[in-house]
Amino acid sequence: RTFSEKGGDMGPSGTGQQDADGLIDTEACCLAWVLSTRESARTTSEKLWQLNQHMAMCIKIVGAEVLANEAWFGLVRGPKSARSDMSAADVMMRLGQLICRWASSHDIGVSVGLHFGELHCLHLAAPGSNMSLGGVSAVSNAKASYYGDAVSHAVTLAMGADQEGRVHMSEAVKDKLNAFRMTRLTVAPMSASYYLDATTKVRNLYDKGAYLTDMPSERGWENQGEQEMSMALNLELSQTPGAKNVMSLVEFREFLTTHGVDCDKFGKGLAKTLEDFYDAVVKKKKSHLDVVGGMIQRVVCLVRISLRIRDGENKLRELRIATQGTAAGGTRSRNQQFAVVLSSSNLDNWPEAVEKCFAEKLQLNAKVQKMCFQADMDSYSYKEQTSASETIPGIMTTYRSHNIVINIRDKHRKELKSIGLPTGSDFTLTTGKVAEQWTWAQVGDSKEEEL
């Protein structure tokens, strides 16, 4: 790709020194931003003007250089150096996040790509002008056009982001982070790339009150775990059939090993096999992996449901999974509340995920659920807890859970006979090839077991 800019109000248009091949920088940190497809179809001139004004301010603050600028797209080159403690990667990652954060708070769909690489410049004449290669001075309206790996890959990352409001950066950028190198990043589905969410807190390792650092008093996202959760991403399969940039099992193992995980511990004792872990993260999208300061952390987003009835003695009882069959033909004791693990596609619509899970697990369709179940929204809570997992060795797991009570309106309805009602009897259902035994346990008389 080649991108052109005559210069404008958003920043300087100088290109620096270049060689005969147009090379002006061997390690340019370039940022590309683009409106999402959804935003392009609904945006207004007023929204675009406000977005570009905000970006102009941010670009000026960090001392970056605008290479190309359109109402819907832009290309920015980072400063060669900012401060002794802050690399160009730090500055441009933060610039991208500030753009995404502002756009998200104003309901504007924007994606940002970031890459380090070679940057070339070619001066092009206006249509109809006669100008030989390199004859910049011969034509007054010649414009600088940019190409090279820094540009093309930044654009690819911006346009390849699966969600709006995130900075999609290459591994080259991540490796050059300095002051912000402990920032939480999420592993992207493409090999060797990472995401930074708009809501993720950014702190300077050397000075927590320093330049471009989030302050503890910053409002609108502080202590809102749900907002952070809504932007989580799984190591999911590429949405393009036949794509070759999907992390394979071998690459997955190498990735874990590089970040200090002993893969030989998988498949021993209570630990899952590495293949099962890969399948859960990459294919089934039951969790995602964050990288924090070079260490991997597993994140599981879920909904815990207390599905309740009153028994013959007017005592509260809730549905719990008692035992579950294993692939090896054995039985695993659970004693757990009904729980729905959320994938990246339903993070921001957990009620729909619950409805679908009730249909799959309890074999109760949406019509029966609407008729028989009533959610107690006053009981809703959100919790976040980090702990070690016996099933995933060497990786800490953070559980982000929505918690809700759902009451059964009338346990005598015939549609609920399959789940042991009205008597509250134990029952067994089979999901796929796995048999699960369920019980109606007295509320408060249980022992939680991690997922």
Foldseek 3Di string as FASTA:
>chain_A
DKAWDQDDDLFDADQADADPQQWHDFWWKKKKKFFAPVQVVPDDPVLLVVLSVVLSVLCVVQVWGWGHDDSGMTMITFDCCRDPQWGSLNSVQLSQLVSLLVCVVVVTFMFMFIEIGIKGKWWDDDPPDDDDTPRPVVHPRTIIMMDTDRPVRRVVQRRQDPGTRKYKYFLRSLVPGGQQNQWKWFDEQFPRIIIDHSLTFTAGPVDRVDDSGDDQPDDDRHPPVLVVQLPHAFNEDRPDPPDDRGQDLVNVVVLQVQLPFDLVCAPPDQAHHSVVVCCVGYYVQQWTWMAGNSHIAIEWEKEFEFEWDQAPVRFIWGKFWQWKADPVGHIGGAQGGDMFIDGSVCSPPVVVSVQVVCCQPVVQHPVRCVVWKDWDVVPWDWDWDWDDDPHHPPHIYIYIYIYTYMYTPDQPDPSNVQCPPDNQQWHWDDRPNMIIIMGTGGPPPTDHDDD
